[in-house]
């Protein structure tokens, strides 16, 4: 083979290789472009789908938030309506609570206040401290509309001073007013005693201390707009003792005594 022929052959071979490389290059780039375009399309599709999904969930979340807000508003409104209804029922509810010791305990309320919503919360032997230690069980659980308080005579047999007795009575009144503000509070004077009817009662209680207690209670009620019921004077005889017509033992009212008490109390039930 001549040199000229050899050169031509090499040139042709080179040209063929170059063309092949060009084709491969352009093919590869075409594929890359195609992939790139495909990838771009895929990204665009994914982006669109993502935007759609996000918009969908955002709408759902907004709707959910709106629904939750609406539900919370409804619950709050219902709660307020319920509370108003409860308060209305409390205002309309009538319950006459008698709070005290054995004098109240022995008081047959169903007999003397027949047909009326009366509650007897008297316990024999109770002192002012006993009541203070159980205000919930003795008062609050009954949700009273009116409270008639009679307490203090038993404190005297436990050597409690007049001032401490009065202080405890004031505490009872204040706690009722704080916890049952709808309740009207009526404070009865401590009843007189008659030592002549019971030798065991001599020097245990005396009417001087009782009058001192009553005077201080009455002043407190006047100063704080509570109703004081002066039952003491209504039960006295001419000698300043518990009238024998109204008591058999000099401490507790008998049936006639309870009639006098009931007649006075009923003035405050209207």
Protein backbone atom coordinates (compact mmCIF):
# COMPACT_ATOMS: atom_id res chain seq x y z
CA UNK A 1 0.00 0.00 0.00
CA UNK A 2 1.35 3.42 -0.94
CA UNK A 3 1.85 6.17 1.56
CA UNK A 4 -0.88 8.19 -0.12
CA UNK A 5 -3.34 5.34 0.18
CA UNK A 6 -2.33 4.75 3.77
CA UNK A 7 -2.90 8.39 4.70
CA UNK A 8 -6.30 8.38 3.07
CA UNK A 9 -7.26 5.26 4.96
CA UNK A 10 -6.15 6.71 8.27
CA UNK A 11 -7.96 9.94 7.52
CA UNK A 12 -11.14 8.06 6.70
CA UNK A 13 -10.79 5.97 9.84
CA UNK A 14 -10.23 9.06 11.95
CA UNK A 15 -13.15 10.83 10.32
CA UNK A 16 -15.34 7.84 10.94
CA UNK A 17 -14.26 7.69 14.60
CA UNK A 18 -14.84 11.44 14.98
CA UNK A 19 -18.28 11.16 13.50
CA UNK A 20 -18.99 8.26 15.78
CA UNK A 21 -17.79 10.20 18.81
CA UNK A 22 -19.86 13.19 17.74
CA UNK A 23 -22.91 10.98 17.44
CA UNK A 24 -22.22 9.46 20.83
CA UNK A 25 -21.68 12.90 22.33
CA UNK A 26 -24.81 14.36 20.85
CA UNK A 27 -26.75 11.25 21.75
CA UNK A 28 -25.54 11.38 25.30
CA UNK A 29 -26.32 15.04 25.56
CA UNK A 30 -29.64 14.49 23.94
CA UNK A 31 -30.38 11.82 26.52
CA UNK A 32 -29.18 14.10 29.26
CA UNK A 33 -31.34 16.89 27.94
CA UNK A 34 -34.20 14.49 27.65
CA UNK A 35 -33.61 13.29 31.21
CA UNK A 36 -33.18 16.83 32.34
CA UNK A 37 -36.41 17.82 30.65
CA UNK A 38 -38.06 14.74 32.05
CA UNK A 39 -36.69 15.51 35.46
CA UNK A 40 -37.86 19.07 35.18
CA UNK A 41 -41.29 17.87 34.15
CA UNK A 42 -41.27 15.40 37.01
CA UNK A 43 -40.19 18.06 39.45
CA UNK A 44 -42.85 20.38 38.11
CA UNK A 45 -45.48 17.66 38.44
CA UNK A 46 -44.31 16.80 41.93
CA UNK A 47 -44.32 20.48 42.83
CA UNK A 48 -47.82 20.97 41.48
CA UNK A 49 -49.03 17.84 43.28
CA UNK A 50 -47.25 19.00 46.44
CA UNK A 51 -48.85 22.42 46.20
CA UNK A 52 -52.23 20.82 45.64
CA UNK A 53 -51.80 18.44 48.57
CA UNK A 54 -50.53 21.20 50.82
CA UNK A 55 -53.39 23.43 49.79
CA UNK A 56 -55.82 20.59 50.41
CA UNK A 57 -54.46 19.85 53.89
CA UNK A 58 -54.18 23.54 54.68
CA UNK A 59 -57.81 23.93 53.76
CA UNK A 60 -58.69 20.92 55.87
CA UNK A 61 -56.66 22.27 58.78
CA UNK A 62 -58.24 25.68 58.44
CA UNK A 63 -61.63 24.06 58.30
CA UNK A 64 -60.69 21.91 61.30
CA UNK A 65 -59.46 24.94 63.21
CA UNK A 66 -62.66 26.70 62.29
CA UNK A 67 -64.68 23.70 63.41
CA UNK A 68 -62.73 23.48 66.68
CA UNK A 69 -63.21 27.20 67.29
CA UNK A 70 -66.88 26.83 66.52
CA UNK A 71 -67.14 23.83 68.84
CA UNK A 72 -65.30 25.66 71.62
CA UNK A 73 -67.60 28.64 71.20
CA UNK A 74 -70.66 26.39 71.37
CA UNK A 75 -69.34 24.62 74.47
CA UNK A 76 -68.57 27.94 76.16
CA UNK A 77 -72.02 29.30 75.32
CA UNK A 78 -73.70 26.13 76.60
CA UNK A 79 -71.60 26.29 79.77
CA UNK A 80 -72.68 29.88 80.39
CA UNK A 81 -76.32 28.98 79.73
CA UNK A 82 -75.99 26.02 82.12
CA UNK A 83 -74.43 28.20 84.82
CA UNK A 84 -77.18 30.78 84.39
CA UNK A 85 -79.79 28.05 84.68
CA UNK A 86 -78.17 26.72 87.87
CA UNK A 87 -78.05 30.20 89.36
CA UNK A 88 -81.67 30.74 88.38
CA UNK A 89 -82.66 27.47 90.06
CA UNK A 90 -80.73 28.50 93.15
CA UNK A 91 -82.54 31.82 93.23
CA UNK A 92 -85.91 30.10 92.91
CA UNK A 93 -85.08 27.30 95.34
CA UNK A 94 -86.54 27.66 98.83
CA UNK A 95 -85.07 25.87 101.82
CA UNK A 96 -85.42 26.99 105.44
CA UNK A 97 -82.46 25.72 107.46
CA UNK A 98 -82.57 25.70 111.27
CA UNK A 99 -79.03 25.50 112.66
CA UNK A 100 -78.15 24.92 116.28
CA UNK A 101 -77.97 22.58 119.27
CA UNK A 102 -80.53 20.46 121.17
CA UNK A 103 -83.09 23.27 121.25
CA UNK A 104 -83.18 23.04 117.46
CA UNK A 105 -82.70 19.27 117.45
CA UNK A 106 -85.87 18.80 119.56
CA UNK A 107 -87.83 21.29 117.43
CA UNK A 108 -90.43 19.29 115.45
CA UNK A 109 -90.20 21.38 112.31
CA UNK A 110 -92.49 19.16 110.23
CA UNK A 111 -95.20 19.65 112.83
CA UNK A 112 -94.86 23.41 113.26
CA UNK A 113 -94.08 24.21 109.63
CA UNK A 114 -96.24 21.65 107.90
CA UNK A 115 -95.88 21.71 104.14
CA UNK A 116 -92.89 24.04 104.19
CA UNK A 117 -89.37 23.07 102.98
CA UNK A 118 -87.69 23.05 106.40
CA UNK A 119 -84.39 21.38 107.32
CA UNK A 120 -83.40 20.58 110.89
CA UNK A 121 -79.62 20.93 111.30
CA UNK A 122 -79.58 20.91 115.08
CA UNK A 123 -77.42 18.48 117.08
CA UNK A 124 -77.76 18.03 120.82
CA UNK A 125 -74.80 19.24 122.84
CA UNK A 126 -73.34 21.32 120.01
CA UNK A 127 -71.25 24.40 120.67
CA UNK A 128 -70.28 27.20 118.30
CA UNK A 129 -66.99 25.40 117.67
CA UNK A 130 -68.81 22.20 116.67
CA UNK A 131 -70.71 24.04 113.97
CA UNK A 132 -67.61 25.83 112.71
CA UNK A 133 -65.90 22.47 112.34
CA UNK A 134 -68.64 21.12 110.05
CA UNK A 135 -70.06 24.00 108.06
CA UNK A 136 -70.26 21.96 104.87
CA UNK A 137 -72.26 19.14 106.41
CA UNK A 138 -74.39 21.38 108.55
CA UNK A 139 -75.11 24.21 106.11
CA UNK A 140 -73.58 24.24 102.61
CA UNK A 141 -74.83 20.82 101.52
CA UNK A 142 -78.42 22.02 101.93
CA UNK A 143 -78.04 25.17 99.80
CA UNK A 144 -80.39 27.10 102.12
CA UNK A 145 -82.34 30.16 101.07
CA UNK A 146 -82.85 31.16 104.72
CA UNK A 147 -80.83 30.19 107.80
CA UNK A 148 -82.10 30.50 111.35
CA UNK A 149 -79.13 30.32 113.72
CA UNK A 150 -79.48 29.58 117.42
CA UNK A 151 -76.27 28.62 119.20
CA UNK A 152 -74.13 29.50 122.22
CA UNK A 153 -75.81 28.20 125.36
CA UNK A 154 -73.68 25.04 125.51
CA UNK A 155 -70.47 27.05 125.22
CA UNK A 156 -71.22 28.45 128.67
CA UNK A 157 -70.96 25.03 130.32
CA UNK A 158 -67.49 24.59 128.76
CA UNK A 159 -66.18 27.81 130.30
CA UNK A 160 -65.96 29.61 126.96
CA UNK A 161 -65.88 33.36 127.51
CA UNK A 162 -68.70 35.59 126.35
CA UNK A 163 -66.40 37.36 123.87
CA UNK A 164 -65.22 34.07 122.37
CA UNK A 165 -68.82 32.85 122.03
CA UNK A 166 -69.80 36.04 120.25
CA UNK A 167 -66.69 35.86 118.04
CA UNK A 168 -67.55 32.31 117.00
CA UNK A 169 -71.15 33.25 116.22
CA UNK A 170 -69.84 36.08 114.05
CA UNK A 171 -67.54 33.62 112.26
CA UNK A 172 -70.46 31.27 111.59
CA UNK A 173 -72.47 34.13 110.12
CA UNK A 174 -69.58 35.34 107.96
CA UNK A 175 -68.79 31.87 106.62
CA UNK A 176 -72.42 31.28 105.68
CA UNK A 177 -72.52 34.63 103.95
CA UNK A 178 -69.30 33.90 102.04
CA UNK A 179 -70.22 30.37 100.94
CA UNK A 180 -73.99 30.76 100.55
CA UNK A 181 -74.37 34.42 99.53
CA UNK A 182 -77.94 33.86 98.35
CA UNK A 183 -79.01 32.79 101.86
CA UNK A 184 -80.73 35.23 104.18
CA UNK A 185 -79.36 34.88 107.71
CA UNK A 186 -81.50 35.27 110.83
CA UNK A 187 -79.76 35.18 114.19
CA UNK A 188 -81.85 34.24 117.21
CA UNK A 189 -80.94 35.47 120.65
CA UNK A 190 -79.74 32.80 123.06
CA UNK A 191 -82.76 31.69 125.08
CA UNK A 192 -83.03 32.43 128.81
CA UNK A 193 -82.67 29.70 131.44
CA UNK A 194 -84.51 28.94 134.67
CA UNK A 195 -82.30 27.37 137.35
CA UNK A 196 -85.27 26.77 139.60
CA UNK A 197 -86.49 24.00 137.34
CA UNK A 198 -83.25 22.02 137.29
CA UNK A 199 -80.80 21.92 140.21
CA UNK A 200 -78.08 20.51 137.94
CA UNK A 201 -78.20 23.71 135.90
CA UNK A 202 -77.51 26.04 138.82
CA UNK A 203 -74.33 28.08 138.23
CA UNK A 204 -73.79 26.29 134.88
CA UNK A 205 -75.51 28.94 132.81
CA UNK A 206 -76.79 32.29 133.96
CA UNK A 207 -78.98 34.88 132.34
CA UNK A 208 -76.49 37.71 132.94
CA UNK A 209 -73.99 36.07 130.59
CA UNK A 210 -76.75 35.23 128.15
CA UNK A 211 -77.96 38.83 128.06
CA UNK A 212 -74.37 39.98 127.51
CA UNK A 213 -74.04 37.60 124.56
CA UNK A 214 -77.35 38.71 123.09
CA UNK A 215 -76.50 42.39 123.41
CA UNK A 216 -73.25 41.89 121.48
CA UNK A 217 -74.91 39.70 118.84
CA UNK A 218 -77.66 42.23 118.29
CA UNK A 219 -75.14 45.04 117.80
CA UNK A 220 -73.16 42.96 115.34
CA UNK A 221 -76.31 42.18 113.34
CA UNK A 222 -77.37 45.82 113.32
CA UNK A 223 -73.93 46.92 112.15
CA UNK A 224 -73.77 44.32 109.38
CA UNK A 225 -77.37 44.23 108.13
CA UNK A 226 -78.32 40.80 109.48
CA UNK A 227 -81.70 40.16 111.04
CA UNK A 228 -81.62 39.67 114.81
CA UNK A 229 -84.62 37.93 116.39
CA UNK A 230 -85.08 38.79 120.05
CA UNK A 231 -86.63 35.55 121.28
CA UNK A 232 -85.16 36.05 124.75
CA UNK A 233 -87.71 38.67 125.83
CA UNK A 234 -90.63 36.65 124.46
CA UNK A 235 -89.77 33.67 126.65
CA UNK A 236 -89.17 35.53 129.95
CA UNK A 237 -91.36 35.57 133.02
CA UNK A 238 -91.73 38.55 135.36
CA UNK A 239 -88.68 37.47 137.35
CA UNK A 240 -86.41 37.48 134.33
CA UNK A 241 -86.21 33.69 133.93
CA UNK A 242 -87.33 31.25 131.26
CA UNK A 243 -91.10 31.27 131.73
CA UNK A 244 -92.35 27.99 133.22
CA UNK A 245 -95.24 28.08 130.76
CA UNK A 246 -92.75 27.66 127.96
CA UNK A 247 -90.24 25.18 129.44
CA UNK A 248 -90.27 22.06 131.61
CA UNK A 249 -86.58 21.79 132.41
CA UNK A 250 -85.54 25.44 132.41
CA UNK A 251 -83.48 25.07 129.22
CA UNK A 252 -85.50 23.53 126.39
CA UNK A 253 -88.84 24.90 125.20
CA UNK A 254 -91.90 22.71 125.68
CA UNK A 255 -94.69 22.49 123.10
CA UNK A 256 -96.13 25.83 124.21
CA UNK A 257 -92.69 27.39 124.05
CA UNK A 258 -92.14 26.09 120.52
CA UNK A 259 -95.51 27.53 119.54
CA UNK A 260 -94.37 30.98 120.67
CA UNK A 261 -91.08 30.54 118.83
CA UNK A 262 -92.82 29.33 115.67
CA UNK A 263 -95.23 32.25 115.69
CA UNK A 264 -92.28 34.64 115.70
CA UNK A 265 -90.20 32.74 113.12
CA UNK A 266 -93.07 32.55 110.63
CA UNK A 267 -92.96 36.35 110.33
CA UNK A 268 -89.72 35.90 108.41
CA UNK A 269 -90.80 33.14 106.03
CA UNK A 270 -92.76 35.31 103.60
